Protein backbone atom coordinates (compact mmCIF):
# COMPACT_ATOMS: atom_id res chain seq x y z
CA MET A 1 44.34 25.41 27.50
CA THR A 2 41.48 27.62 28.63
CA ASN A 3 40.13 27.95 25.12
CA ILE A 4 40.24 24.18 24.72
CA LEU A 5 38.39 23.66 27.97
CA ASN A 6 35.76 26.25 26.99
CA GLU A 7 35.28 24.59 23.55
CA SER A 8 34.97 21.22 25.27
CA ASN A 9 32.44 22.66 27.75
CA TYR A 10 30.46 24.24 24.85
CA GLY A 11 30.42 20.87 23.04
CA LEU A 12 29.18 19.08 26.16
CA PHE A 13 26.54 21.72 26.77
CA PHE A 14 25.13 21.36 23.24
CA LYS A 15 25.39 17.63 23.50
CA LEU A 16 23.29 17.55 26.64
CA ILE A 17 20.69 19.88 25.05
CA PHE A 18 20.47 17.57 22.10
CA LEU A 19 20.07 14.49 24.23
CA GLY A 20 17.55 16.34 26.47
CA LEU A 21 15.39 17.11 23.47
CA LEU A 22 15.71 13.58 22.26
CA ASP A 23 14.49 12.34 25.67
CA ALA A 24 11.52 14.76 25.68
CA ILE A 25 10.45 13.65 22.15
CA GLY A 26 11.00 9.95 23.22
CA ILE A 27 8.88 10.32 26.38
CA TRP A 28 6.11 12.11 24.43
CA ALA A 29 6.12 9.42 21.73
CA SER A 30 6.25 6.65 24.24
CA VAL A 31 3.07 7.88 25.97
CA LEU A 32 1.21 8.12 22.62
CA LEU A 33 2.35 4.60 21.68
CA TYR A 34 1.37 3.24 25.12
CA PHE A 35 -2.24 4.49 24.75
CA GLN A 36 -2.30 2.87 21.24
CA GLY A 37 -1.04 -0.43 22.55
CA ALA A 38 2.09 -0.35 20.41
CA TYR A 39 4.40 -1.90 23.09
CA GLY A 40 6.88 -3.22 20.51
CA PHE A 41 7.48 0.32 19.17
CA ILE A 42 7.92 1.58 22.72
CA VAL A 43 10.70 -1.10 23.38
CA ALA A 44 12.38 -0.23 20.01
CA LEU A 45 12.17 3.48 20.79
CA LEU A 46 13.74 3.04 24.33
CA LEU A 47 16.50 0.79 23.04
CA GLY A 48 17.35 3.29 20.30
CA ALA A 49 17.44 6.20 22.68
CA ALA A 50 19.62 4.30 25.11
CA THR A 51 21.99 3.40 22.26
CA ILE A 52 22.21 7.01 21.11
CA HIS A 53 22.98 8.13 24.70
CA TYR A 54 25.73 5.58 24.97
CA VAL A 55 27.31 6.47 21.65
CA PHE A 56 27.39 10.20 22.36
CA LEU A 57 28.45 10.02 25.98
CA SER A 58 31.12 7.32 25.69
CA ASP A 59 34.63 8.11 24.46
CA ARG A 60 35.11 4.59 23.23
CA THR A 61 32.27 4.99 20.62
CA TYR A 62 33.47 8.44 19.26
CA PRO A 63 33.96 7.24 15.58
CA ILE A 64 30.54 5.72 15.53
CA ARG A 65 28.82 9.06 16.25
CA TYR A 66 29.17 10.11 12.64
CA MET A 67 27.43 6.91 11.48
CA VAL A 68 24.42 7.30 13.83
CA PRO A 69 22.28 9.57 11.50
CA GLY A 70 22.82 7.24 8.56
CA LEU A 71 22.07 4.21 10.60
CA ILE A 72 18.84 5.69 11.94
CA PHE A 73 17.61 6.42 8.39
CA LEU A 74 18.80 3.05 7.27
CA PHE A 75 16.73 1.33 9.90
CA ALA A 76 13.69 3.60 9.44
CA PHE A 77 13.50 3.50 5.68
CA VAL A 78 15.11 0.12 4.76
CA VAL A 79 15.33 -2.41 7.55
CA TYR A 80 11.94 -1.74 9.13
CA PRO A 81 9.99 -1.59 5.91
CA ILE A 82 11.54 -4.88 4.78
CA GLY A 83 10.92 -6.54 8.19
CA TYR A 84 7.30 -5.27 8.29
CA THR A 85 6.58 -6.41 4.71
CA PHE A 86 7.89 -9.91 5.55
CA TYR A 87 5.66 -9.93 8.71
CA LEU A 88 2.69 -8.80 6.68
CA SER A 89 3.35 -11.62 4.15
CA THR A 90 2.75 -14.12 6.99
CA THR A 91 -0.73 -12.69 7.77
CA ASN A 92 -4.14 -12.77 6.17
CA TYR A 93 -4.40 -9.00 6.37
CA GLY A 94 -6.83 -7.74 3.74
CA THR A 95 -10.54 -7.36 3.00
CA GLY A 96 -12.57 -9.11 5.65
CA HIS A 97 -9.50 -9.47 7.90
CA ILE A 98 -8.61 -5.81 8.71
CA LEU A 99 -9.72 -5.69 12.36
CA SER A 100 -7.94 -7.21 15.37
CA LYS A 101 -9.52 -10.23 16.98
CA GLN A 102 -11.00 -8.07 19.82
CA GLN A 103 -12.48 -5.56 17.37
CA ALA A 104 -14.00 -8.40 15.30
CA ILE A 105 -15.64 -9.86 18.42
CA GLU A 106 -17.03 -6.37 19.34
CA SER A 107 -18.37 -6.00 15.74
CA LEU A 108 -20.11 -9.39 16.01
CA GLU A 109 -21.50 -8.65 19.47
CA GLY A 110 -22.93 -5.39 17.94
CA GLN A 111 -25.14 -7.38 15.56
CA TYR A 112 -28.77 -7.67 16.77
CA TYR A 113 -31.86 -9.65 15.79
CA GLN A 114 -35.51 -9.31 16.49
CA PRO A 115 -36.85 -12.18 18.67
CA GLU A 116 -40.15 -13.95 17.69
CA ASP A 117 -42.17 -12.13 20.42
CA PRO A 118 -40.23 -8.89 20.97
CA VAL A 119 -41.02 -6.64 23.88
CA SER A 120 -42.31 -3.28 22.72
CA TYR A 121 -41.54 0.03 24.48
CA SER A 122 -43.71 3.04 24.15
CA PHE A 123 -41.75 6.30 24.56
CA GLU A 124 -42.01 9.95 25.25
CA ALA A 125 -39.37 12.42 24.08
CA TYR A 126 -38.02 15.30 26.12
CA LYS A 127 -35.80 18.21 25.26
CA ASN A 128 -33.89 20.78 27.31
CA ASN A 129 -32.91 24.40 26.52
CA GLN A 130 -29.61 23.23 24.88
CA GLY A 131 -31.46 21.00 22.40
CA ASP A 132 -30.47 17.68 24.00
CA ILE A 133 -33.08 14.97 23.65
CA LYS A 134 -33.86 12.09 26.07
CA LEU A 135 -36.43 9.36 25.94
CA ILE A 136 -38.43 7.58 28.58
CA LEU A 137 -39.33 4.14 27.34
CA GLN A 138 -41.80 1.88 29.15
CA SER A 139 -42.39 -1.75 28.27
CA ASN A 140 -45.80 -3.09 27.14
CA THR A 141 -45.58 -5.50 30.07
CA GLY A 142 -45.10 -2.73 32.52
CA ASP A 143 -42.15 -4.23 34.28
CA LYS A 144 -39.27 -2.15 32.74
CA THR A 145 -38.82 1.51 32.26
CA TYR A 146 -35.63 3.01 30.71
CA LEU A 147 -34.09 6.37 30.18
CA THR A 148 -31.79 6.99 27.25
CA GLY A 149 -29.98 9.75 25.47
CA GLY A 150 -29.22 7.59 22.41
CA GLU A 151 -26.42 5.31 23.59
CA GLU A 152 -26.95 3.50 26.89
CA LEU A 153 -30.15 2.37 28.46
CA THR A 154 -30.56 3.27 32.17
CA GLU A 155 -33.36 1.54 34.15
CA VAL A 156 -35.34 4.05 36.21
CA ASN A 157 -38.17 4.15 38.69
CA LEU A 158 -41.01 6.47 37.77
CA GLY A 159 -41.59 7.03 41.53
CA ASN A 160 -38.22 8.82 41.70
CA GLU A 161 -38.74 12.36 43.01
CA ARG A 162 -36.90 13.97 40.12
CA PHE A 163 -39.81 13.12 37.78
CA VAL A 164 -42.78 15.47 37.78
CA ASP A 165 -46.12 13.85 36.98
CA SER A 166 -48.48 16.73 36.22
CA ASP A 167 -50.93 14.98 33.89
CA GLU A 168 -54.11 13.16 34.82
CA ASP A 169 -53.30 10.21 32.54
CA GLY A 170 -49.91 9.73 34.16
CA THR A 171 -47.81 11.31 31.47
CA ILE A 172 -44.62 12.84 32.76
CA GLU A 173 -44.58 16.48 31.68
CA SER A 174 -40.94 17.19 32.76
CA PHE A 175 -37.95 16.03 34.68
CA GLY A 176 -34.96 18.07 35.62
CA ASP A 177 -34.58 20.68 32.83
CA TYR A 178 -36.19 18.51 30.21
CA GLU A 179 -39.67 19.28 28.90
CA LEU A 180 -42.06 16.96 27.08
CA MET A 181 -41.99 17.25 23.32
CA SER A 182 -45.21 17.34 21.20
CA ARG A 183 -45.68 14.76 18.38
CA THR A 184 -44.98 17.52 15.82
CA GLU A 185 -41.64 18.17 17.49
CA VAL A 186 -40.88 14.41 17.54
CA ILE A 187 -41.59 14.30 13.75
CA GLY A 188 -39.00 17.09 13.31
CA VAL A 189 -36.24 14.90 14.87
CA LEU A 190 -37.54 11.66 13.47
CA GLN A 191 -34.37 10.91 11.34
CA LYS A 192 -32.17 11.38 14.39
CA LEU A 193 -34.35 9.04 16.51
CA GLN A 194 -34.36 6.38 13.77
CA LYS A 195 -30.60 6.17 14.04
CA TRP A 196 -30.67 5.52 17.78
CA LYS A 197 -30.12 2.03 19.06
CA PRO A 198 -29.74 2.25 22.84
CA LYS A 199 -28.49 -0.93 24.43
CA ALA A 200 -27.73 -2.55 27.72
CA ASN A 201 -26.81 -6.10 28.77
CA GLY A 202 -27.08 -7.55 25.29
CA VAL A 203 -30.48 -5.94 24.64
CA ALA A 204 -30.99 -3.06 22.25
CA LEU A 205 -34.04 -1.00 21.28
CA GLN A 206 -34.88 0.30 17.79
CA MET A 207 -37.57 2.67 16.66
CA SER A 208 -40.44 0.89 14.79
CA ASN A 209 -42.98 3.73 14.60
CA LEU A 210 -43.74 7.20 15.97
CA THR A 211 -44.67 5.91 19.42
CA THR A 212 -42.77 2.60 19.82
CA PHE A 213 -39.29 1.08 20.11
CA ASP A 214 -38.97 -2.77 19.62
CA GLN A 215 -36.58 -4.99 21.39
CA ARG A 216 -33.46 -6.35 19.63
CA ILE A 217 -31.12 -8.97 21.11
CA SER A 218 -27.40 -9.20 20.57
CA ARG A 219 -27.02 -12.20 18.26
CA TYR A 220 -23.50 -13.26 19.09
CA GLU A 221 -21.90 -13.82 22.46
CA TYR A 222 -18.19 -14.40 23.02
CA LEU A 223 -17.36 -17.18 25.47
CA ASP A 224 -14.02 -16.11 26.87
CA GLU A 225 -13.07 -19.40 28.59
CA GLN A 226 -13.83 -21.57 25.51
CA ASP A 227 -12.59 -18.99 22.93
CA ARG A 228 -15.83 -19.48 21.00
CA ILE A 229 -18.59 -17.30 19.58
CA ARG A 230 -22.12 -18.53 20.33
CA ASP A 231 -25.05 -17.68 18.11
CA ARG A 232 -27.92 -16.93 20.55
CA GLN A 233 -30.49 -17.29 17.84
CA THR A 234 -29.39 -20.84 16.71
CA GLY A 235 -27.16 -21.99 19.59
CA GLU A 236 -24.36 -22.67 17.06
CA LEU A 237 -20.69 -22.41 18.20
CA PHE A 238 -17.90 -20.88 16.12
CA ARG A 239 -14.18 -21.47 16.75
CA PRO A 240 -11.36 -19.10 15.48
CA GLU A 241 -9.42 -20.50 12.55
CA GLU A 242 -6.81 -18.50 10.56
CA GLY A 243 -8.60 -15.23 11.20
CA THR A 244 -12.21 -16.39 10.76
CA PHE A 245 -14.77 -17.70 13.13
CA VAL A 246 -15.85 -21.02 11.67
CA SER A 247 -18.79 -23.13 12.84
CA THR A 248 -17.96 -26.31 14.73
CA THR A 249 -20.91 -28.23 13.11
CA THR A 250 -21.35 -26.68 9.61
CA GLU A 251 -19.35 -24.92 6.94
CA ARG A 252 -20.79 -21.54 7.98
CA SER A 253 -18.32 -18.70 8.94
CA LEU A 254 -18.90 -15.31 10.41
CA GLU A 255 -17.95 -11.86 9.06
CA PRO A 256 -15.89 -9.86 9.74
CA GLY A 257 -12.78 -11.87 10.31
CA PHE A 258 -9.65 -10.68 12.03
CA LYS A 259 -5.99 -10.27 11.27
CA ALA A 260 -4.09 -13.42 12.10
CA THR A 261 -0.78 -15.10 11.31
CA VAL A 262 -1.03 -17.75 8.60
CA GLY A 263 2.66 -18.61 8.15
CA LEU A 264 3.73 -19.25 4.64
CA GLU A 265 0.15 -19.70 3.43
CA ASN A 266 0.36 -16.61 1.07
CA PHE A 267 3.48 -17.97 -0.60
CA SER A 268 1.83 -21.35 -0.90
CA LYS A 269 -1.22 -19.73 -2.61
CA ILE A 270 0.98 -18.16 -5.30
CA PHE A 271 2.09 -21.61 -6.48
CA ARG A 272 -0.83 -23.85 -5.45
CA ASP A 273 -4.04 -21.87 -5.86
CA PRO A 274 -5.13 -22.12 -9.55
CA MET A 275 -6.92 -18.76 -9.33
CA ILE A 276 -3.63 -17.03 -8.39
CA THR A 277 -0.98 -19.28 -9.93
CA GLY A 278 -2.13 -18.90 -13.58
CA PRO A 279 -2.28 -15.04 -13.66
CA PHE A 280 0.92 -14.84 -11.41
CA LEU A 281 2.98 -17.00 -13.77
CA ARG A 282 1.79 -14.98 -16.78
CA VAL A 283 2.69 -11.71 -15.03
CA PHE A 284 5.95 -13.15 -13.86
CA THR A 285 7.05 -14.24 -17.36
CA TRP A 286 6.00 -10.89 -18.98
CA THR A 287 7.93 -9.00 -16.25
CA PHE A 288 11.20 -10.64 -17.40
CA ILE A 289 10.38 -10.20 -21.03
CA TRP A 290 9.48 -6.54 -20.40
CA ALA A 291 12.63 -5.84 -18.48
CA PHE A 292 14.90 -7.61 -21.01
CA MET A 293 13.25 -6.03 -24.08
CA SER A 294 13.28 -2.58 -22.51
CA VAL A 295 17.06 -2.81 -21.90
CA LEU A 296 17.76 -4.41 -25.34
CA THR A 297 15.71 -1.94 -27.36
CA THR A 298 16.96 1.21 -25.62
CA PHE A 299 20.59 0.00 -25.62
CA VAL A 300 20.56 -0.92 -29.33
CA LEU A 301 18.94 2.37 -30.38
CA GLY A 302 21.04 4.48 -27.98
CA LEU A 303 24.30 2.78 -29.11
CA GLY A 304 23.45 3.14 -32.78
CA ILE A 305 22.76 6.86 -32.42
CA ALA A 306 25.87 7.26 -30.27
CA ILE A 307 28.05 5.66 -32.98
CA ILE A 308 26.55 8.00 -35.58
CA LEU A 309 27.15 11.04 -33.40
CA SER A 310 30.76 9.94 -32.73
CA ASP A 311 31.60 10.07 -36.44
CA SER A 312 33.90 13.02 -36.99
CA ARG A 313 32.41 13.70 -40.47
CA LEU A 314 28.96 14.49 -38.94
CA ARG A 315 28.08 18.24 -38.82
CA LEU A 316 25.79 20.02 -36.37
CA LYS A 317 26.42 17.51 -33.67
CA PRO A 318 25.40 19.89 -30.74
CA LEU A 319 22.01 20.43 -32.49
CA TYR A 320 21.40 16.74 -32.91
CA LYS A 321 22.45 15.98 -29.37
CA GLY A 322 20.15 18.64 -27.94
CA LEU A 323 17.14 17.41 -29.94
CA LEU A 324 17.76 13.76 -29.06
CA ILE A 325 18.08 14.46 -25.34
CA LEU A 326 14.64 16.15 -25.11
CA PRO A 327 12.70 12.91 -24.43
CA TYR A 328 14.98 12.40 -21.31
CA ALA A 329 14.49 15.99 -20.18
CA ILE A 330 10.70 15.97 -20.27
CA PRO A 331 9.14 14.39 -17.11
CA ALA A 332 8.37 10.70 -17.82
CA PHE A 333 4.77 10.88 -16.50
CA ILE A 334 3.86 13.66 -18.95
CA SER A 335 5.39 11.78 -21.86
CA ALA A 336 3.58 8.59 -20.83
CA LEU A 337 0.18 10.26 -20.73
CA ILE A 338 0.83 11.95 -24.12
CA TRP A 339 1.74 8.55 -25.67
CA ARG A 340 -1.40 7.06 -24.18
CA GLY A 341 -3.34 9.64 -26.13
CA PHE A 342 -1.30 8.85 -29.28
CA PHE A 343 -2.27 5.16 -29.07
CA ASN A 344 -5.98 5.88 -28.57
CA THR A 345 -7.83 3.63 -31.06
CA ASN A 346 -10.42 6.22 -32.14
CA VAL A 347 -8.75 9.63 -31.95
CA GLY A 348 -5.03 8.81 -31.39
CA ILE A 349 -2.62 10.41 -33.91
CA ILE A 350 -0.92 7.00 -34.61
CA ASN A 351 -4.15 5.50 -35.99
CA THR A 352 -5.79 8.56 -37.51
CA LYS A 353 -2.74 10.26 -39.06
CA LEU A 354 -0.38 7.33 -39.88
CA LEU A 355 -1.79 3.82 -39.99
CA GLN A 356 -5.32 4.56 -41.26
CA PRO A 357 -4.33 6.84 -44.22
CA LEU A 358 -1.30 4.87 -45.20
CA LEU A 359 -2.23 1.22 -44.53
CA GLY A 360 -6.00 1.35 -43.84
CA LEU A 361 -5.41 -0.07 -40.32
CA SER A 362 -6.82 1.04 -37.05
CA PRO A 363 -5.36 -1.33 -34.41
CA ALA A 364 -7.03 -1.62 -30.95
CA TRP A 365 -3.79 -0.92 -29.08
CA PHE A 366 -5.13 -1.20 -25.59
CA GLN A 367 -7.71 -3.96 -26.24
CA ASP A 368 -5.29 -6.52 -27.81
CA PRO A 369 -2.83 -8.06 -25.32
CA LEU A 370 0.05 -8.28 -27.87
CA LEU A 371 -0.47 -4.73 -29.20
CA ALA A 372 -0.71 -3.37 -25.64
CA LYS A 373 2.70 -4.89 -24.87
CA VAL A 374 4.21 -3.39 -28.14
CA ALA A 375 2.75 -0.06 -27.10
CA VAL A 376 4.42 0.14 -23.74
CA LEU A 377 7.73 -1.11 -25.13
CA ILE A 378 7.55 1.79 -27.78
CA VAL A 379 6.83 4.26 -25.01
CA ASN A 380 9.60 2.92 -22.89
CA LEU A 381 11.95 3.03 -25.96
CA TRP A 382 11.17 6.75 -26.51
CA LEU A 383 11.83 7.58 -22.86
CA GLY A 384 14.98 5.31 -22.40
CA PHE A 385 17.17 5.66 -25.49
CA PRO A 386 18.53 9.14 -24.65
CA TYR A 387 19.97 7.75 -21.36
CA MET A 388 21.63 4.91 -23.24
CA MET A 389 22.83 7.34 -25.86
CA VAL A 390 24.50 9.57 -23.41
CA VAL A 391 26.17 6.65 -21.60
CA CYS A 392 27.44 5.12 -24.83
CA LEU A 393 28.75 8.48 -26.10
CA GLY A 394 30.91 8.80 -23.03
CA ALA A 395 32.09 5.17 -23.21
CA LEU A 396 32.97 5.48 -26.89
CA GLN A 397 35.09 8.57 -26.35
CA SER A 398 37.17 6.75 -23.85
CA ILE A 399 38.23 4.15 -26.41
CA GLN A 400 41.77 4.93 -27.79
CA PRO A 401 41.73 5.72 -31.51
CA GLU A 402 45.05 3.88 -31.94
CA LEU A 403 43.27 0.50 -31.42
CA TYR A 404 41.16 1.18 -34.59
CA GLU A 405 44.20 2.25 -36.56
CA VAL A 406 45.99 -0.96 -35.69
CA ALA A 407 42.89 -2.95 -36.56
CA LYS A 408 42.69 -1.21 -39.98
CA VAL A 409 46.33 -2.08 -40.62
CA ASP A 410 45.49 -5.72 -39.85
CA GLY A 411 42.70 -5.65 -42.41
CA ALA A 412 39.69 -5.70 -39.92
CA SER A 413 36.39 -4.73 -41.35
CA PRO A 414 34.19 -2.14 -39.59
CA PHE A 415 31.98 -4.93 -38.20
CA GLN A 416 34.99 -6.82 -36.92
CA GLN A 417 36.30 -3.59 -35.26
CA PHE A 418 32.92 -3.14 -33.65
CA ARG A 419 32.73 -6.84 -32.49
CA LYS A 420 36.40 -7.18 -31.32
CA ILE A 421 37.19 -3.66 -29.99
CA THR A 422 34.11 -1.40 -29.57
CA LEU A 423 31.63 -3.80 -27.92
CA PRO A 424 34.13 -5.50 -25.41
CA LEU A 425 35.47 -2.15 -24.19
CA LEU A 426 32.03 -0.61 -24.28
CA MET A 427 30.59 -3.40 -22.02
CA VAL A 428 33.27 -2.67 -19.41
CA SER A 429 31.66 0.70 -18.73
CA VAL A 430 28.10 0.01 -19.84
CA GLY A 431 27.63 -3.53 -18.63
CA PRO A 432 26.88 -2.78 -15.01
CA LEU A 433 24.53 0.04 -16.12
CA LEU A 434 22.67 -2.45 -18.32
CA ILE A 435 22.17 -4.73 -15.34
CA GLY A 436 21.02 -1.78 -13.28
CA SER A 437 18.68 -0.73 -16.06
CA PHE A 438 17.17 -4.27 -16.08
CA ALA A 439 16.55 -3.99 -12.35
CA PHE A 440 14.98 -0.60 -12.80
CA ASN A 441 12.63 -1.71 -15.58
CA PHE A 442 11.75 -4.83 -13.62
CA ASN A 443 10.00 -2.38 -11.24
CA ASN A 444 9.05 0.26 -13.78
CA PHE A 445 5.56 0.86 -12.36
CA ASN A 446 5.03 4.31 -13.85
CA ILE A 447 5.11 3.37 -17.56
CA ILE A 448 2.75 0.34 -17.13
CA PHE A 449 0.23 2.18 -14.92
CA LEU A 450 0.15 5.48 -16.90
CA VAL A 451 0.05 4.01 -20.37
CA THR A 452 -2.14 0.81 -20.09
CA ARG A 453 -3.22 0.55 -16.42
CA GLY A 454 -2.06 -3.11 -16.84
CA GLU A 455 -4.89 -3.73 -19.22
CA PRO A 456 -6.32 -5.59 -21.12
CA PRO A 457 -7.46 -8.01 -18.34
CA ILE A 458 -6.44 -11.59 -18.36
CA VAL A 459 -9.42 -13.83 -18.97
CA GLY A 460 -10.39 -15.58 -15.75
CA ALA A 461 -8.29 -13.32 -13.50
CA THR A 462 -9.99 -10.77 -11.26
CA THR A 463 -6.90 -8.61 -10.75
CA ALA A 464 -4.09 -9.14 -13.23
CA GLY A 465 -3.88 -7.63 -16.62
CA SER A 466 -2.01 -8.64 -19.81
CA THR A 467 0.55 -5.86 -19.45
CA ASP A 468 0.82 -6.00 -15.69
CA ILE A 469 4.33 -6.50 -14.27
CA LEU A 470 4.92 -7.85 -10.82
CA ILE A 471 4.96 -4.38 -9.10
CA SER A 472 1.78 -3.25 -10.79
CA TYR A 473 0.13 -6.57 -10.03
CA THR A 474 1.08 -6.17 -6.42
CA TYR A 475 -0.33 -2.70 -6.39
CA LYS A 476 -3.71 -3.98 -7.71
CA LEU A 477 -3.73 -6.71 -5.08
CA ALA A 478 -3.16 -4.17 -2.29
CA PHE A 479 -5.22 -1.21 -3.49
CA GLY A 480 -7.10 -1.80 -6.76
CA GLY A 481 -8.63 -5.27 -6.92
CA GLN A 482 -12.24 -4.27 -7.60
CA GLY A 483 -12.83 -3.02 -4.05
CA ALA A 484 -11.02 -6.00 -2.47
CA THR A 485 -7.62 -5.78 -0.87
CA GLN A 486 -5.17 -8.53 -0.18
CA TYR A 487 -2.30 -6.92 1.66
CA GLY A 488 -0.82 -10.24 2.87
CA LEU A 489 -0.59 -11.73 -0.58
CA ALA A 490 0.71 -8.45 -1.99
CA ALA A 491 3.44 -8.40 0.66
CA ALA A 492 4.34 -11.96 -0.24
CA ILE A 493 4.80 -11.00 -3.87
CA SER A 494 6.85 -7.97 -2.81
CA ILE A 495 9.24 -10.32 -0.91
CA ILE A 496 9.63 -12.29 -4.07
CA ILE A 497 10.40 -9.05 -6.05
CA PHE A 498 12.90 -8.08 -3.33
CA LEU A 499 14.75 -11.44 -3.63
CA ILE A 500 14.85 -11.20 -7.40
CA ILE A 501 16.22 -7.61 -7.39
CA GLY A 502 18.61 -8.63 -4.60
CA THR A 503 19.92 -11.45 -6.76
CA ILE A 504 20.24 -9.10 -9.78
CA SER A 505 22.23 -6.66 -7.63
CA ALA A 506 24.57 -9.47 -6.44
CA ILE A 507 25.10 -10.53 -10.10
CA ASN A 508 25.84 -6.90 -10.93
CA PHE A 509 28.62 -6.59 -8.35
CA HIS A 510 30.08 -9.89 -9.59
CA TYR A 511 29.81 -8.96 -13.23
CA THR A 512 31.45 -5.61 -12.56
CA GLY A 513 34.56 -7.30 -11.18
CA ALA A 514 34.58 -9.75 -14.14
CA LEU A 515 34.45 -6.90 -16.62
CA GLU A 516 37.27 -5.07 -14.92
CA GLU A 517 39.43 -8.23 -15.24
CA MET A 518 38.43 -8.52 -18.88
CA SER A 519 39.36 -4.85 -19.59
CA GLU A 520 42.83 -5.59 -18.35
CA ASN A 521 43.26 -8.33 -20.87
CA VAL A 522 41.93 -6.45 -23.84
């Protein structure tokens, strides 16, 4: 009994240490999230920590403890990414709409213009022993004097006792530990001074020559009560509309915009915007053709080789199997890059060593849309047939030889044996794998990106290419669209891909059960 109690105490001790460490990490993370304004994450973190405490401290939830690590990873790497992608698909997040609304307002208020009769400020520069520089700027009207260190303008009074006027012409020679700089010294720091734009109360000063700063006025002002932006130069008002400040009187809009919720607008664009719908439908169609042809070609070749290797009369089987499995053993990205070199129009081995000497042809593999599609299918065939060969070899060996003997007695031809016995029994094992292979090739980003980069481009489309599939098209929208990014639209297409793959998976589960029933009747 004493040993049991000691073991129980040890378990409780380690459990409390684990929960204590979890609390410490949770508090530290919550503080960081609070300063970043991520209040939703704080709530999720606290709820998660409370749930873990309840599960590990309550006897009624003992069986669930073993599921907690898996559930945490499930939420972190599956549920949250899906939820965040769906949220992103309902926003206009992308180039021109990266900032929050407050950040966009601050950016607009940081834009300045020069008025028609700007006030000029002559300046003197001062430096201390640490190399810090400050300027005293005096307006040409004589009513304003400012002190600045490069950021903010501070209005000062030259009569203040901390300034020492030791020059007959009124020039201040020093103040505090700062000494007057000569014009030669000013020229030495000219590039630094040209970057300065000290500001205060909507007014900024910018260097115009060696002795003068000119006035700049903040062009845009945010009217908090009206939720409008006012253009001080023209008096025009701008209202926020789907992440963009749009003029209330003209078609003019301001940049940058801000991230905003647009509902199902991105999904609507896919099917209603001609600039997106045309390329999307071509990519969508080719994705299904690509996935289907990839499965069909690799399965047919793999099955054919497997049938030959299953023949008892064939010698040196281990050698053939070892050689034929090599394409599957070599990393796919290396093979893809090698094949890209093979298909090079000018120096590729396919043109220079095969087609040109034998047929006098030199096809432009990556410039012609049809040939580019043929090229990626050939590469995928090379990479995929060993897998199908191995799968079919295993499935063929599981078929009882007695079935073929009975079929021969009944007078069945080899083709009839294949159609009536081999293929039905083979599909019981291989059928679900073919559906899984279809889903894999549906998102086979690596081959498309490494071999053709999705090219050649579709005429009239700024992002999509002729060999792009949905996943590579989504990648280009998010990261590679000629400097422009459309994360919201890319997220919407990702949701469509997710629904398609989910449907294929559901069909796979259903088909697996149907094949099991069929195998019982064979």
